[in-house]
Structure formats: C-alpha cells, structure tokens
Amino acid sequence: MAEQRTEGRIRVRQVTDVQFSWTEEGRGEHGAFTVQLVLDNGAEEYVLQPTAEDAKVQLELFESASTVYFDLDRKVLIPSNISLG
C-alpha cells in the first residue's frame, strides 16, 4: 500500500518509448501530429498534440538526447545528455 502511494506521487517520469503519428484531416488539408509518450515502461502514458514545427523539434530532441524525462504536472519534456552535431 505504501509503495502505491509513493508511486502515485511521482510526477517526473522517464520516457521509455515514443510513438509519432500523423493523421490526415482531409484531402489536401494539413494533418495533425500526435506523440504518444510511454513513461517508465508503461507505468503511465501521455499524448502530446504538437504543431508540425514542434513535432520536428521534438523528434530531433528524442534523437539527440540519451534520456528524456517528462514532468506530468508542468507538461515539460526534460532531455538529458544532448549530443550536438
């Protein structure tokens, strides 16, 4: 019981998997991106709905960081050890 209460208080989780998707809104129209974050190996999930420009930046962030965390309260992606270049 105590372990469940402690885990429920954890608000910053490691992103352990990411799924980028694009959905057609209509023929000839702009589509919509969704980014599904799997946190701590499935302990929790969160879906982002970025603009195309933000999706590109997020993809680059996930590719260049060794680890990414997500703050569930503030809705912030937190990259760690970014390799530049």
N, C-alpha and C. Protein backbone atom coordinates (compact mmCIF):
# COMPACT_ATOMS: atom_id res chain seq x y z
N MET A 1 0.82 -1.19 0.00
CA MET A 1 0.00 0.00 0.00
C MET A 1 0.87 1.27 0.00
N ALA A 2 1.90 1.30 0.84
CA ALA A 2 2.77 2.47 0.90
C ALA A 2 3.49 2.67 -0.43
N GLU A 3 3.87 1.58 -1.07
CA GLU A 3 4.56 1.67 -2.37
C GLU A 3 3.65 2.29 -3.42
N GLN A 4 2.37 1.96 -3.42
CA GLN A 4 1.42 2.53 -4.37
C GLN A 4 1.25 4.02 -4.14
N ARG A 5 1.19 4.45 -2.89
CA ARG A 5 1.06 5.89 -2.59
C ARG A 5 2.30 6.64 -3.06
N THR A 6 3.48 6.07 -2.83
CA THR A 6 4.72 6.72 -3.24
C THR A 6 4.77 6.83 -4.76
N GLU A 7 4.45 5.75 -5.47
CA GLU A 7 4.49 5.78 -6.93
C GLU A 7 3.48 6.77 -7.49
N GLY A 8 2.34 6.93 -6.83
CA GLY A 8 1.33 7.88 -7.27
C GLY A 8 1.78 9.32 -7.15
N ARG A 9 2.77 9.58 -6.29
CA ARG A 9 3.29 10.94 -6.10
C ARG A 9 4.38 11.30 -7.08
N ILE A 10 4.94 10.32 -7.76
CA ILE A 10 6.00 10.59 -8.72
C ILE A 10 5.40 11.33 -9.91
N ARG A 11 5.88 12.51 -10.14
CA ARG A 11 5.31 13.32 -11.21
C ARG A 11 6.27 13.54 -12.36
N VAL A 12 7.54 13.17 -12.21
CA VAL A 12 8.51 13.23 -13.30
C VAL A 12 8.88 11.80 -13.63
N ARG A 13 8.66 11.41 -14.87
CA ARG A 13 8.90 10.02 -15.27
C ARG A 13 9.80 9.98 -16.49
N GLN A 14 10.53 8.89 -16.63
CA GLN A 14 11.39 8.70 -17.79
C GLN A 14 10.56 8.27 -18.99
N VAL A 15 10.83 8.90 -20.12
CA VAL A 15 10.18 8.50 -21.37
C VAL A 15 10.92 7.27 -21.87
N THR A 16 10.24 6.12 -21.89
CA THR A 16 10.89 4.87 -22.28
C THR A 16 10.52 4.44 -23.70
N ASP A 17 9.51 5.05 -24.28
CA ASP A 17 9.15 4.77 -25.67
C ASP A 17 8.35 5.96 -26.21
N VAL A 18 8.47 6.19 -27.51
CA VAL A 18 7.79 7.31 -28.16
C VAL A 18 7.18 6.81 -29.46
N GLN A 19 5.94 7.20 -29.73
CA GLN A 19 5.28 6.83 -30.97
C GLN A 19 4.77 8.10 -31.64
N PHE A 20 5.38 8.47 -32.78
CA PHE A 20 4.92 9.63 -33.55
C PHE A 20 3.88 9.16 -34.56
N SER A 21 2.77 9.88 -34.68
CA SER A 21 1.74 9.55 -35.66
C SER A 21 1.29 10.83 -36.35
N TRP A 22 0.82 10.67 -37.58
CA TRP A 22 0.25 11.76 -38.34
C TRP A 22 -1.08 11.30 -38.88
N THR A 23 -2.10 12.14 -38.76
CA THR A 23 -3.44 11.81 -39.21
C THR A 23 -3.90 12.82 -40.25
N GLU A 24 -4.44 12.31 -41.34
CA GLU A 24 -4.98 13.19 -42.38
C GLU A 24 -6.27 13.83 -41.87
N GLU A 25 -6.34 15.14 -41.97
CA GLU A 25 -7.54 15.86 -41.55
C GLU A 25 -8.58 15.89 -42.67
N GLY A 26 -8.12 15.92 -43.89
CA GLY A 26 -8.98 15.95 -45.07
C GLY A 26 -8.11 16.05 -46.30
N ARG A 27 -8.64 15.65 -47.43
CA ARG A 27 -7.86 15.69 -48.66
C ARG A 27 -7.34 17.09 -48.94
N GLY A 28 -6.02 17.20 -49.11
CA GLY A 28 -5.41 18.48 -49.43
C GLY A 28 -5.26 19.42 -48.25
N GLU A 29 -5.67 19.01 -47.07
CA GLU A 29 -5.56 19.85 -45.87
C GLU A 29 -4.36 19.41 -45.03
N HIS A 30 -3.98 20.28 -44.13
CA HIS A 30 -2.91 19.93 -43.20
C HIS A 30 -3.39 18.81 -42.30
N GLY A 31 -2.47 17.95 -41.91
CA GLY A 31 -2.79 16.86 -40.99
C GLY A 31 -2.49 17.25 -39.55
N ALA A 32 -2.65 16.29 -38.67
CA ALA A 32 -2.40 16.52 -37.24
C ALA A 32 -1.40 15.49 -36.72
N PHE A 33 -0.43 15.95 -35.95
CA PHE A 33 0.54 15.06 -35.33
C PHE A 33 0.10 14.73 -33.92
N THR A 34 0.40 13.51 -33.50
CA THR A 34 0.29 13.12 -32.09
C THR A 34 1.57 12.40 -31.72
N VAL A 35 1.99 12.62 -30.50
CA VAL A 35 3.19 11.97 -29.98
C VAL A 35 2.79 11.28 -28.68
N GLN A 36 2.82 9.96 -28.70
CA GLN A 36 2.47 9.20 -27.50
C GLN A 36 3.74 8.92 -26.73
N LEU A 37 3.77 9.35 -25.48
CA LEU A 37 4.90 9.10 -24.60
C LEU A 37 4.56 7.93 -23.69
N VAL A 38 5.38 6.90 -23.71
CA VAL A 38 5.25 5.80 -22.76
C VAL A 38 6.24 6.11 -21.65
N LEU A 39 5.76 6.20 -20.44
CA LEU A 39 6.56 6.64 -19.31
C LEU A 39 6.85 5.48 -18.36
N ASP A 40 8.11 5.37 -17.96
CA ASP A 40 8.54 4.31 -17.03
C ASP A 40 8.01 2.94 -17.43
N ASN A 41 8.29 2.55 -18.68
CA ASN A 41 7.94 1.23 -19.20
C ASN A 41 6.45 0.90 -19.07
N GLY A 42 5.60 1.89 -19.27
CA GLY A 42 4.16 1.65 -19.27
C GLY A 42 3.46 1.98 -17.97
N ALA A 43 4.17 2.50 -16.99
CA ALA A 43 3.52 2.89 -15.73
C ALA A 43 2.50 3.98 -15.98
N GLU A 44 2.76 4.78 -17.00
CA GLU A 44 1.84 5.86 -17.36
C GLU A 44 2.09 6.23 -18.82
N GLU A 45 1.11 6.86 -19.44
CA GLU A 45 1.24 7.35 -20.81
C GLU A 45 0.71 8.77 -20.89
N TYR A 46 1.21 9.51 -21.88
CA TYR A 46 0.73 10.87 -22.10
C TYR A 46 0.80 11.13 -23.60
N VAL A 47 -0.18 11.85 -24.13
CA VAL A 47 -0.22 12.16 -25.56
C VAL A 47 -0.06 13.66 -25.77
N LEU A 48 0.92 14.02 -26.59
CA LEU A 48 1.13 15.41 -27.00
C LEU A 48 0.50 15.61 -28.36
N GLN A 49 0.05 16.82 -28.65
CA GLN A 49 -0.51 17.16 -29.96
C GLN A 49 0.21 18.39 -30.50
N PRO A 50 1.46 18.20 -30.95
CA PRO A 50 2.26 19.34 -31.38
C PRO A 50 1.91 19.81 -32.79
N THR A 51 2.31 21.05 -33.07
CA THR A 51 2.25 21.56 -34.44
C THR A 51 3.32 20.81 -35.24
N ALA A 52 3.29 20.92 -36.55
CA ALA A 52 4.30 20.27 -37.39
C ALA A 52 5.70 20.74 -37.03
N GLU A 53 5.85 22.04 -36.80
CA GLU A 53 7.14 22.60 -36.43
C GLU A 53 7.62 22.05 -35.09
N ASP A 54 6.74 22.00 -34.10
CA ASP A 54 7.10 21.47 -32.80
C ASP A 54 7.39 19.97 -32.86
N ALA A 55 6.67 19.22 -33.70
CA ALA A 55 6.91 17.78 -33.85
C ALA A 55 8.32 17.54 -34.38
N LYS A 56 8.77 18.38 -35.31
CA LYS A 56 10.12 18.26 -35.85
C LYS A 56 11.16 18.48 -34.75
N VAL A 57 10.96 19.50 -33.95
CA VAL A 57 11.87 19.81 -32.85
C VAL A 57 11.87 18.67 -31.82
N GLN A 58 10.69 18.15 -31.51
CA GLN A 58 10.60 17.05 -30.54
C GLN A 58 11.31 15.80 -31.06
N LEU A 59 11.15 15.49 -32.33
CA LEU A 59 11.81 14.33 -32.92
C LEU A 59 13.33 14.49 -32.81
N GLU A 60 13.83 15.67 -33.13
CA GLU A 60 15.27 15.93 -33.02
C GLU A 60 15.74 15.80 -31.57
N LEU A 61 14.92 16.26 -30.63
CA LEU A 61 15.27 16.16 -29.22
C LEU A 61 15.38 14.70 -28.79
N PHE A 62 14.41 13.88 -29.18
CA PHE A 62 14.45 12.46 -28.82
C PHE A 62 15.63 11.75 -29.47
N GLU A 63 16.01 12.16 -30.68
CA GLU A 63 17.14 11.53 -31.36
C GLU A 63 18.49 11.93 -30.76
N SER A 64 18.58 13.14 -30.22
CA SER A 64 19.87 13.65 -29.75
C SER A 64 20.10 13.49 -28.24
N ALA A 65 19.06 13.22 -27.47
CA ALA A 65 19.22 13.08 -26.02
C ALA A 65 19.39 11.61 -25.66
N SER A 66 20.25 11.34 -24.69
CA SER A 66 20.42 9.96 -24.27
C SER A 66 19.22 9.49 -23.45
N THR A 67 18.61 10.39 -22.71
CA THR A 67 17.43 10.09 -21.90
C THR A 67 16.53 11.31 -21.90
N VAL A 68 15.21 11.09 -21.91
CA VAL A 68 14.26 12.20 -21.81
C VAL A 68 13.28 11.87 -20.69
N TYR A 69 13.00 12.87 -19.89
CA TYR A 69 12.02 12.75 -18.81
C TYR A 69 10.83 13.64 -19.16
N PHE A 70 9.69 13.37 -18.53
CA PHE A 70 8.50 14.19 -18.75
C PHE A 70 7.90 14.53 -17.40
N ASP A 71 7.72 15.82 -17.15
CA ASP A 71 7.09 16.32 -15.93
C ASP A 71 5.59 16.38 -16.18
N LEU A 72 4.85 15.50 -15.54
CA LEU A 72 3.41 15.39 -15.76
C LEU A 72 2.64 16.61 -15.25
N ASP A 73 3.13 17.25 -14.21
CA ASP A 73 2.42 18.42 -13.66
C ASP A 73 2.60 19.65 -14.55
N ARG A 74 3.84 19.89 -14.97
CA ARG A 74 4.13 21.09 -15.76
C ARG A 74 4.09 20.86 -17.26
N LYS A 75 3.95 19.58 -17.69
CA LYS A 75 3.90 19.22 -19.12
C LYS A 75 5.19 19.66 -19.83
N VAL A 76 6.32 19.26 -19.26
CA VAL A 76 7.63 19.67 -19.77
C VAL A 76 8.44 18.43 -20.13
N LEU A 77 9.02 18.42 -21.36
CA LEU A 77 9.98 17.40 -21.74
C LEU A 77 11.35 17.85 -21.23
N ILE A 78 12.08 16.94 -20.59
CA ILE A 78 13.37 17.28 -19.99
C ILE A 78 14.43 16.35 -20.58
N PRO A 79 15.20 16.83 -21.56
CA PRO A 79 16.24 15.99 -22.16
C PRO A 79 17.48 15.93 -21.28
N SER A 80 18.19 14.82 -21.39
CA SER A 80 19.44 14.65 -20.63
C SER A 80 20.55 14.24 -21.58
N ASN A 81 21.72 14.80 -21.39
CA ASN A 81 22.91 14.45 -22.18
C ASN A 81 22.66 14.57 -23.69
N ILE A 82 22.37 15.76 -24.13
CA ILE A 82 22.11 16.02 -25.56
C ILE A 82 23.44 16.03 -26.31
N SER A 83 23.49 15.27 -27.40
CA SER A 83 24.68 15.28 -28.25
C SER A 83 24.45 16.28 -29.38
N LEU A 84 25.34 17.23 -29.50
CA LEU A 84 25.23 18.27 -30.52
C LEU A 84 26.06 17.89 -31.72
N GLY A 85 25.49 18.15 -32.87
CA GLY A 85 26.28 17.92 -34.06
C GLY A 85 25.81 16.86 -34.93
